[in-house]
Amino acid sequence: MAADYRSLAGYYSLLFPLNDRQREFFVHLRATASVETVLDVGCGTGEHLAWFLERRVRGYGLEPDESMFRELRRRKWPGPAPALIQAGVEALPTAVAERVDLIICLGNTLAHLPNRDAVRQAVGQMVGALSPRGRLVLQTVNFDKILTEGCAEFPVIERSLPDGGRIAFFRDYDMADLPARILFRTRLVTPEGERSAAWPLLPLRGEEVVQYLREAGVDDIREFGDYNRIAYAPDSPALILLGQRR
């Protein structure tokens, strides 16, 4: 799961802050089962992890990208600092010192893996890091919708900087290699200039990921179309899967 986020890491927290729907989803997770320990796989710069730490949940963060990990190490945490591991999902379950109650793997982390066998293995490794009856949350964009329509649209993200400057983040998908791959292209405009990058993504269909979860020993799988917990539909913006270890 090697992706170089040097052009984005310093701005990532500003571009993708924790939003109210994500907070409500996390509140729901804590209200419906005990969460004493959490592991964020592909945790970026730690926005999701920080929410749990603020509530005295013991946390672990797994992040393979060197630039993102550097930002993680600089972060000031709202509660006890998490255990941070610079590694990909392939380091599980041994990279974490204990079995955890909740694992979250969000924001297309799975889609960055090189092939479907790697995704299947990754799901199994995450399930292996769960405590008995622990829960796993996987989230990607709704690739079923993108594959059906053959296109995807993303709004421009614009943010103000503390010094008064502004940044703009542009994203699109190059579909030339469908159905095997989608090329995720980005352009970040800052006061210092523009930075472009691109990553190949696996367009994972929902039924594939559900199958991998079941094979790994996950039951009671719920499918949501967004963090508002509305049931998944073909035109949903995202696919969010919540399941419990058998």
C-alpha atoms as a PDB file:
ATOM      1  CA  MET A   1       0.000   0.000   0.000  1.00  0.00           C
ATOM      2  CA  ALA A   2       2.670   2.495  -1.056  1.00  0.00           C
ATOM      3  CA  ALA A   3       1.377   5.922  -2.069  1.00  0.00           C
ATOM      4  CA  ASP A   4       3.424   9.101  -1.916  1.00  0.00           C
ATOM      5  CA  TYR A   5       1.447  11.951  -0.389  1.00  0.00           C
ATOM      6  CA  ARG A   6       4.285  14.483  -0.123  1.00  0.00           C
ATOM      7  CA  SER A   7       2.293  17.123  -2.014  1.00  0.00           C
ATOM      8  CA  LEU A   8      -0.736  16.794   0.282  1.00  0.00           C
ATOM      9  CA  ALA A   9       0.470  15.818   3.740  1.00  0.00           C
ATOM     10  CA  GLY A  10       1.031  19.328   5.096  1.00  0.00           C
ATOM     11  CA  TYR A  11      -2.463  20.427   4.010  1.00  0.00           C
ATOM     12  CA  TYR A  12      -4.373  17.198   4.583  1.00  0.00           C
ATOM     13  CA  SER A  13      -5.906  18.122   7.948  1.00  0.00           C
ATOM     14  CA  LEU A  14      -7.111  21.422   6.498  1.00  0.00           C
ATOM     15  CA  LEU A  15      -8.560  19.829   3.361  1.00  0.00           C
ATOM     16  CA  PHE A  16     -10.267  16.907   5.119  1.00  0.00           C
ATOM     17  CA  PRO A  17     -11.292  17.845   8.668  1.00  0.00           C
ATOM     18  CA  LEU A  18     -13.605  15.618  10.660  1.00  0.00           C
ATOM     19  CA  ASN A  19     -17.179  16.564   9.742  1.00  0.00           C
ATOM     20  CA  ASP A  20     -20.421  16.405  11.716  1.00  0.00           C
ATOM     21  CA  ARG A  21     -21.731  13.276   9.966  1.00  0.00           C
ATOM     22  CA  GLN A  22     -18.539  11.392  10.792  1.00  0.00           C
ATOM     23  CA  ARG A  23     -18.784  12.502  14.415  1.00  0.00           C
ATOM     24  CA  GLU A  24     -22.378  11.273  14.606  1.00  0.00           C
ATOM     25  CA  PHE A  25     -21.357   7.960  13.063  1.00  0.00           C
ATOM     26  CA  PHE A  26     -18.614   7.513  15.655  1.00  0.00           C
ATOM     27  CA  VAL A  27     -21.075   8.417  18.434  1.00  0.00           C
ATOM     28  CA  HIS A  28     -23.344   5.661  17.109  1.00  0.00           C
ATOM     29  CA  LEU A  29     -20.462   3.167  17.157  1.00  0.00           C
ATOM     30  CA  ARG A  30     -19.708   3.927  20.790  1.00  0.00           C
ATOM     31  CA  ALA A  31     -23.385   3.907  21.785  1.00  0.00           C
ATOM     32  CA  THR A  32     -24.065   0.465  20.292  1.00  0.00           C
ATOM     33  CA  ALA A  33     -21.083  -1.467  21.719  1.00  0.00           C
ATOM     34  CA  SER A  34     -18.151  -0.986  24.056  1.00  0.00           C
ATOM     35  CA  VAL A  35     -15.146   0.684  22.409  1.00  0.00           C
ATOM     36  CA  GLU A  36     -12.157   0.731  24.727  1.00  0.00           C
ATOM     37  CA  THR A  37      -9.573   0.348  21.960  1.00  0.00           C
ATOM     38  CA  VAL A  38      -9.537   1.556  18.352  1.00  0.00           C
ATOM     39  CA  LEU A  39      -7.194   1.031  15.411  1.00  0.00           C
ATOM     40  CA  ASP A  40      -7.254   3.384  12.414  1.00  0.00           C
ATOM     41  CA  VAL A  41      -5.758   1.656   9.350  1.00  0.00           C
ATOM     42  CA  GLY A  42      -4.432   4.217   6.891  1.00  0.00           C
ATOM     43  CA  CYS A  43      -5.006   6.951   9.447  1.00  0.00           C
ATOM     44  CA  GLY A  44      -3.587   9.835   7.401  1.00  0.00           C
ATOM     45  CA  THR A  45      -2.854  12.748   9.713  1.00  0.00           C
ATOM     46  CA  GLY A  46      -5.055  11.431  12.518  1.00  0.00           C
ATOM     47  CA  GLU A  47      -8.366  13.330  12.354  1.00  0.00           C
ATOM     48  CA  HIS A  48     -10.536  10.272  13.068  1.00  0.00           C
ATOM     49  CA  LEU A  49      -8.159   8.856  15.650  1.00  0.00           C
ATOM     50  CA  ALA A  50      -8.095  12.152  17.570  1.00  0.00           C
ATOM     51  CA  TRP A  51     -11.872  12.029  18.058  1.00  0.00           C
ATOM     52  CA  PHE A  52     -11.637   8.709  19.878  1.00  0.00           C
ATOM     53  CA  LEU A  53      -8.597   9.739  21.933  1.00  0.00           C
ATOM     54  CA  GLU A  54     -10.463  12.807  23.161  1.00  0.00           C
ATOM     55  CA  ARG A  55     -12.971  10.356  24.663  1.00  0.00           C
ATOM     56  CA  ARG A  56     -10.250   8.351  26.394  1.00  0.00           C
ATOM     57  CA  VAL A  57     -10.364   5.456  23.943  1.00  0.00           C
ATOM     58  CA  ARG A  58      -6.975   3.771  23.695  1.00  0.00           C
ATOM     59  CA  GLY A  59      -5.771   4.279  20.137  1.00  0.00           C
ATOM     60  CA  TYR A  60      -3.482   2.815  17.486  1.00  0.00           C
ATOM     61  CA  GLY A  61      -2.693   4.369  14.113  1.00  0.00           C
ATOM     62  CA  LEU A  62      -1.280   2.545  11.100  1.00  0.00           C
ATOM     63  CA  GLU A  63       0.013   4.737   8.257  1.00  0.00           C
ATOM     64  CA  PRO A  64       2.436   3.611   5.512  1.00  0.00           C
ATOM     65  CA  ASP A  65       3.176   6.952   3.855  1.00  0.00           C
ATOM     66  CA  GLU A  66       6.301   8.659   5.183  1.00  0.00           C
ATOM     67  CA  SER A  67       5.024  12.207   4.694  1.00  0.00           C
ATOM     68  CA  MET A  68       1.689  11.501   6.369  1.00  0.00           C
ATOM     69  CA  PHE A  69       3.459   9.711   9.211  1.00  0.00           C
ATOM     70  CA  ARG A  70       5.687  12.737   9.760  1.00  0.00           C
ATOM     71  CA  GLU A  71       2.570  14.897  10.193  1.00  0.00           C
ATOM     72  CA  LEU A  72       1.143  12.319  12.596  1.00  0.00           C
ATOM     73  CA  ARG A  73       4.236  12.523  14.779  1.00  0.00           C
ATOM     74  CA  ARG A  74       3.929  16.316  14.906  1.00  0.00           C
ATOM     75  CA  ARG A  75       0.275  16.297  15.912  1.00  0.00           C
ATOM     76  CA  LYS A  76      -0.810  17.391  19.394  1.00  0.00           C
ATOM     77  CA  TRP A  77      -3.323  14.830  20.631  1.00  0.00           C
ATOM     78  CA  PRO A  78      -6.384  15.698  22.760  1.00  0.00           C
ATOM     79  CA  GLY A  79      -5.888  12.742  25.110  1.00  0.00           C
ATOM     80  CA  PRO A  80      -3.273  10.055  25.739  1.00  0.00           C
ATOM     81  CA  ALA A  81      -1.090   9.753  22.642  1.00  0.00           C
ATOM     82  CA  PRO A  82      -1.852   6.791  20.389  1.00  0.00           C
ATOM     83  CA  ALA A  83       0.640   4.105  19.441  1.00  0.00           C
ATOM     84  CA  LEU A  84       1.690   5.030  15.892  1.00  0.00           C
ATOM     85  CA  ILE A  85       3.106   2.488  13.452  1.00  0.00           C
ATOM     86  CA  GLN A  86       4.589   3.441  10.101  1.00  0.00           C
ATOM     87  CA  ALA A  87       3.391   0.416   8.146  1.00  0.00           C
ATOM     88  CA  GLY A  88       0.636  -0.804   5.884  1.00  0.00           C
ATOM     89  CA  VAL A  89      -2.153  -3.216   6.668  1.00  0.00           C
ATOM     90  CA  GLU A  90       0.167  -6.125   5.851  1.00  0.00           C
ATOM     91  CA  ALA A  91       1.810  -5.566   9.260  1.00  0.00           C
ATOM     92  CA  LEU A  92      -1.343  -6.731  11.042  1.00  0.00           C
ATOM     93  CA  PRO A  93      -2.168  -8.325  13.377  1.00  0.00           C
ATOM     94  CA  THR A  94       1.314  -8.481  14.937  1.00  0.00           C
ATOM     95  CA  ALA A  95       1.987  -4.726  14.654  1.00  0.00           C
ATOM     96  CA  VAL A  96      -0.605  -3.982  17.357  1.00  0.00           C
ATOM     97  CA  ALA A  97       0.119  -4.980  20.955  1.00  0.00           C
ATOM     98  CA  GLU A  98      -3.444  -6.073  21.744  1.00  0.00           C
ATOM     99  CA  ARG A  99      -6.670  -7.086  20.033  1.00  0.00           C
ATOM    100  CA  VAL A 100      -8.864  -4.035  19.557  1.00  0.00           C
ATOM    101  CA  ASP A 101     -12.613  -3.451  19.873  1.00  0.00           C
ATOM    102  CA  LEU A 102     -12.947  -1.360  16.724  1.00  0.00           C
ATOM    103  CA  ILE A 103     -11.001  -1.013  13.487  1.00  0.00           C
ATOM    104  CA  ILE A 104     -11.743   1.766  11.019  1.00  0.00           C
ATOM    105  CA  CYS A 105     -10.321   1.739   7.490  1.00  0.00           C
ATOM    106  CA  LEU A 106     -11.673   4.791   5.683  1.00  0.00           C
ATOM    107  CA  GLY A 107     -11.163   7.023   2.681  1.00  0.00           C
ATOM    108  CA  ASN A 108     -10.325   4.542  -0.090  1.00  0.00           C
ATOM    109  CA  THR A 109      -7.435   2.992   1.833  1.00  0.00           C
ATOM    110  CA  LEU A 110      -8.405  -0.447   0.514  1.00  0.00           C
ATOM    111  CA  ALA A 111      -8.582   0.825  -3.060  1.00  0.00           C
ATOM    112  CA  HIS A 112      -4.892   1.758  -2.924  1.00  0.00           C
ATOM    113  CA  LEU A 113      -3.882  -1.889  -2.584  1.00  0.00           C
ATOM    114  CA  PRO A 114      -2.268  -3.479  -5.661  1.00  0.00           C
ATOM    115  CA  ASN A 115      -4.841  -6.183  -6.435  1.00  0.00           C
ATOM    116  CA  ARG A 116      -7.910  -8.011  -5.136  1.00  0.00           C
ATOM    117  CA  ASP A 117      -5.893 -10.775  -3.511  1.00  0.00           C
ATOM    118  CA  ALA A 118      -4.174  -8.080  -1.453  1.00  0.00           C
ATOM    119  CA  VAL A 119      -7.570  -6.646  -0.465  1.00  0.00           C
ATOM    120  CA  ARG A 120      -8.847 -10.077   0.570  1.00  0.00           C
ATOM    121  CA  GLN A 121      -5.707 -10.643   2.620  1.00  0.00           C
ATOM    122  CA  ALA A 122      -5.921  -7.176   4.162  1.00  0.00           C
ATOM    123  CA  VAL A 123      -9.498  -7.747   5.319  1.00  0.00           C
ATOM    124  CA  GLY A 124      -8.434 -11.016   6.923  1.00  0.00           C
ATOM    125  CA  GLN A 125      -5.507  -9.347   8.663  1.00  0.00           C
ATOM    126  CA  MET A 126      -7.729  -6.614  10.066  1.00  0.00           C
ATOM    127  CA  VAL A 127     -10.245  -9.159  11.338  1.00  0.00           C
ATOM    128  CA  GLY A 128      -7.337 -11.000  12.962  1.00  0.00           C
ATOM    129  CA  ALA A 129      -6.520  -7.846  14.938  1.00  0.00           C
ATOM    130  CA  LEU A 130     -10.051  -7.596  16.397  1.00  0.00           C
ATOM    131  CA  SER A 131     -11.052  -8.674  19.868  1.00  0.00           C
ATOM    132  CA  PRO A 132     -13.814 -11.299  20.163  1.00  0.00           C
ATOM    133  CA  ARG A 133     -16.974  -9.654  18.810  1.00  0.00           C
ATOM    134  CA  GLY A 134     -14.909  -6.659  17.740  1.00  0.00           C
ATOM    135  CA  ARG A 135     -16.211  -4.532  14.866  1.00  0.00           C
ATOM    136  CA  LEU A 136     -14.735  -3.392  11.570  1.00  0.00           C
ATOM    137  CA  VAL A 137     -15.728  -0.357   9.485  1.00  0.00           C
ATOM    138  CA  LEU A 138     -14.628  -0.171   5.835  1.00  0.00           C
ATOM    139  CA  GLN A 139     -15.360   2.835   3.625  1.00  0.00           C
ATOM    140  CA  THR A 140     -14.742   3.606  -0.044  1.00  0.00           C
ATOM    141  CA  VAL A 141     -16.398   5.794  -2.623  1.00  0.00           C
ATOM    142  CA  ASN A 142     -19.269   4.024  -4.368  1.00  0.00           C
ATOM    143  CA  PHE A 143     -17.300   2.349  -7.149  1.00  0.00           C
ATOM    144  CA  ASP A 144     -20.427   0.522  -8.338  1.00  0.00           C
ATOM    145  CA  LYS A 145     -21.947   3.883  -9.260  1.00  0.00           C
ATOM    146  CA  ILE A 146     -18.759   5.039 -10.956  1.00  0.00           C
ATOM    147  CA  LEU A 147     -18.424   1.807 -12.953  1.00  0.00           C
ATOM    148  CA  THR A 148     -22.062   2.007 -14.048  1.00  0.00           C
ATOM    149  CA  GLU A 149     -21.931   5.667 -15.072  1.00  0.00           C
ATOM    150  CA  GLY A 150     -18.349   5.645 -16.358  1.00  0.00           C
ATOM    151  CA  CYS A 151     -17.563   8.955 -14.705  1.00  0.00           C
ATOM    152  CA  ALA A 152     -17.205  10.715 -11.367  1.00  0.00           C
ATOM    153  CA  GLU A 153     -17.457  14.345 -10.313  1.00  0.00           C
ATOM    154  CA  PHE A 154     -15.751  15.885  -7.297  1.00  0.00           C
ATOM    155  CA  PRO A 155     -16.292  19.406  -6.005  1.00  0.00           C
ATOM    156  CA  VAL A 156     -13.302  21.702  -5.720  1.00  0.00           C
ATOM    157  CA  ILE A 157     -12.187  22.013  -2.096  1.00  0.00           C
ATOM    158  CA  GLU A 158     -11.090  25.530  -1.143  1.00  0.00           C
ATOM    159  CA  ARG A 159      -9.666  26.538   2.224  1.00  0.00           C
ATOM    160  CA  SER A 160      -8.258  29.676   3.847  1.00  0.00           C
ATOM    161  CA  LEU A 161      -4.777  29.550   5.355  1.00  0.00           C
ATOM    162  CA  PRO A 162      -3.896  31.101   8.733  1.00  0.00           C
ATOM    163  CA  ASP A 163      -1.777  33.762   6.991  1.00  0.00           C
ATOM    164  CA  GLY A 164      -4.701  34.823   4.814  1.00  0.00           C
ATOM    165  CA  GLY A 165      -3.766  32.876   1.698  1.00  0.00           C
ATOM    166  CA  ARG A 166      -5.951  30.226   0.093  1.00  0.00           C
ATOM    167  CA  ILE A 167      -5.541  26.743  -1.326  1.00  0.00           C
ATOM    168  CA  ALA A 168      -7.680  24.801  -3.788  1.00  0.00           C
ATOM    169  CA  PHE A 169      -7.755  21.040  -4.306  1.00  0.00           C
ATOM    170  CA  PHE A 170      -8.945  19.515  -7.591  1.00  0.00           C
ATOM    171  CA  ARG A 171      -9.664  15.794  -8.133  1.00  0.00           C
ATOM    172  CA  ASP A 172     -10.785  13.635 -11.016  1.00  0.00           C
ATOM    173  CA  TYR A 173     -10.742  10.026 -12.222  1.00  0.00           C
ATOM    174  CA  ASP A 174      -9.148   8.846 -15.458  1.00  0.00           C
ATOM    175  CA  MET A 175     -11.247   5.858 -16.563  1.00  0.00           C
ATOM    176  CA  ALA A 176      -9.032   4.736 -19.460  1.00  0.00           C
ATOM    177  CA  ASP A 177      -7.962   1.506 -17.725  1.00  0.00           C
ATOM    178  CA  LEU A 178     -11.413   0.339 -16.613  1.00  0.00           C
ATOM    179  CA  PRO A 179     -12.435  -2.155 -15.371  1.00  0.00           C
ATOM    180  CA  ALA A 180      -8.998  -3.037 -13.967  1.00  0.00           C
ATOM    181  CA  ARG A 181      -7.987   0.349 -12.589  1.00  0.00           C
ATOM    182  CA  ILE A 182      -9.012   3.958 -12.099  1.00  0.00           C
ATOM    183  CA  LEU A 183      -6.332   6.651 -12.058  1.00  0.00           C
ATOM    184  CA  PHE A 184      -7.001   9.127  -9.258  1.00  0.00           C
ATOM    185  CA  ARG A 185      -5.534  12.477 -10.333  1.00  0.00           C
ATOM    186  CA  THR A 186      -5.106  15.481  -8.052  1.00  0.00           C
ATOM    187  CA  ARG A 187      -3.959  19.077  -8.342  1.00  0.00           C
ATOM    188  CA  LEU A 188      -3.246  21.234  -5.304  1.00  0.00           C
ATOM    189  CA  VAL A 189      -3.014  24.995  -5.842  1.00  0.00           C
ATOM    190  CA  THR A 190      -1.204  26.890  -3.063  1.00  0.00           C
ATOM    191  CA  PRO A 191       0.346  30.354  -2.765  1.00  0.00           C
ATOM    192  CA  GLU A 192       3.691  28.675  -3.520  1.00  0.00           C
ATOM    193  CA  GLY A 193       2.470  27.101  -6.752  1.00  0.00           C
ATOM    194  CA  GLU A 194       0.752  23.969  -8.042  1.00  0.00           C
ATOM    195  CA  ARG A 195       1.444  20.329  -7.222  1.00  0.00           C
ATOM    196  CA  SER A 196       0.008  17.398  -9.152  1.00  0.00           C
ATOM    197  CA  ALA A 197      -0.071  13.696  -8.312  1.00  0.00           C
ATOM    198  CA  ALA A 198      -1.847  10.526  -9.406  1.00  0.00           C
ATOM    199  CA  TRP A 199      -2.528   7.101  -7.884  1.00  0.00           C
ATOM    200  CA  PRO A 200      -4.033   3.947  -9.412  1.00  0.00           C
ATOM    201  CA  LEU A 201      -7.084   2.703  -7.503  1.00  0.00           C
ATOM    202  CA  LEU A 202      -8.865  -0.639  -7.527  1.00  0.00           C
ATOM    203  CA  PRO A 203     -12.553  -0.049  -8.374  1.00  0.00           C
ATOM    204  CA  LEU A 204     -13.883  -2.416  -5.706  1.00  0.00           C
ATOM    205  CA  ARG A 205     -17.517  -3.409  -6.024  1.00  0.00           C
ATOM    206  CA  GLY A 206     -19.519  -3.626  -2.828  1.00  0.00           C
ATOM    207  CA  GLU A 207     -20.375  -7.296  -3.259  1.00  0.00           C
ATOM    208  CA  GLU A 208     -16.655  -8.114  -3.485  1.00  0.00           C
ATOM    209  CA  VAL A 209     -15.809  -6.435  -0.206  1.00  0.00           C
ATOM    210  CA  VAL A 210     -18.816  -8.012   1.540  1.00  0.00           C
ATOM    211  CA  GLN A 211     -17.612 -11.419   0.327  1.00  0.00           C
ATOM    212  CA  TYR A 212     -14.114 -10.767   1.714  1.00  0.00           C
ATOM    213  CA  LEU A 213     -15.618  -9.813   5.077  1.00  0.00           C
ATOM    214  CA  ARG A 214     -17.687 -12.982   5.252  1.00  0.00           C
ATOM    215  CA  GLU A 215     -14.726 -15.143   4.263  1.00  0.00           C
ATOM    216  CA  ALA A 216     -12.692 -13.527   7.070  1.00  0.00           C
ATOM    217  CA  GLY A 217     -15.328 -14.316   9.687  1.00  0.00           C
ATOM    218  CA  VAL A 218     -17.414 -11.143   9.883  1.00  0.00           C
ATOM    219  CA  ASP A 219     -21.163 -11.337  10.500  1.00  0.00           C
ATOM    220  CA  ASP A 220     -24.079  -8.939  10.772  1.00  0.00           C
ATOM    221  CA  ILE A 221     -22.752  -6.759   7.956  1.00  0.00           C
ATOM    222  CA  ARG A 222     -24.611  -3.485   7.518  1.00  0.00           C
ATOM    223  CA  GLU A 223     -24.286  -1.387   4.363  1.00  0.00           C
ATOM    224  CA  PHE A 224     -24.600   2.399   4.488  1.00  0.00           C
ATOM    225  CA  GLY A 225     -24.432   4.944   1.682  1.00  0.00           C
ATOM    226  CA  ASP A 226     -22.965   7.723   3.806  1.00  0.00           C
ATOM    227  CA  TYR A 227     -22.022   8.503   7.402  1.00  0.00           C
ATOM    228  CA  ASN A 228     -25.637   9.499   8.055  1.00  0.00           C
ATOM    229  CA  ARG A 229     -26.349   5.714   8.248  1.00  0.00           C
ATOM    230  CA  ILE A 230     -28.956   5.749   5.482  1.00  0.00           C
ATOM    231  CA  ALA A 231     -29.048   2.353   3.775  1.00  0.00           C
ATOM    232  CA  TYR A 232     -26.741   1.917   0.808  1.00  0.00           C
ATOM    233  CA  ALA A 233     -28.312   2.456  -2.622  1.00  0.00           C
ATOM    234  CA  PRO A 234     -26.876   2.267  -6.165  1.00  0.00           C
ATOM    235  CA  ASP A 235     -26.626   6.066  -6.332  1.00  0.00           C
ATOM    236  CA  SER A 236     -25.127   6.558  -2.853  1.00  0.00           C
ATOM    237  CA  PRO A 237     -21.963   8.676  -2.726  1.00  0.00           C
ATOM    238  CA  ALA A 238     -20.077   6.109  -0.649  1.00  0.00           C
ATOM    239  CA  LEU A 239     -20.059   2.536   0.549  1.00  0.00           C
ATOM    240  CA  ILE A 240     -19.657   2.052   4.291  1.00  0.00           C
ATOM    241  CA  LEU A 241     -19.625  -1.475   5.670  1.00  0.00           C
ATOM    242  CA  LEU A 242     -19.969  -2.220   9.375  1.00  0.00           C
ATOM    243  CA  GLY A 243     -19.579  -5.784  10.589  1.00  0.00           C
ATOM    244  CA  GLN A 244     -18.763  -7.769  13.698  1.00  0.00           C
ATOM    245  CA  ARG A 245     -16.221 -10.521  14.141  1.00  0.00           C
ATOM    246  CA  ARG A 246     -17.898 -13.897  14.323  1.00  0.00           C
END
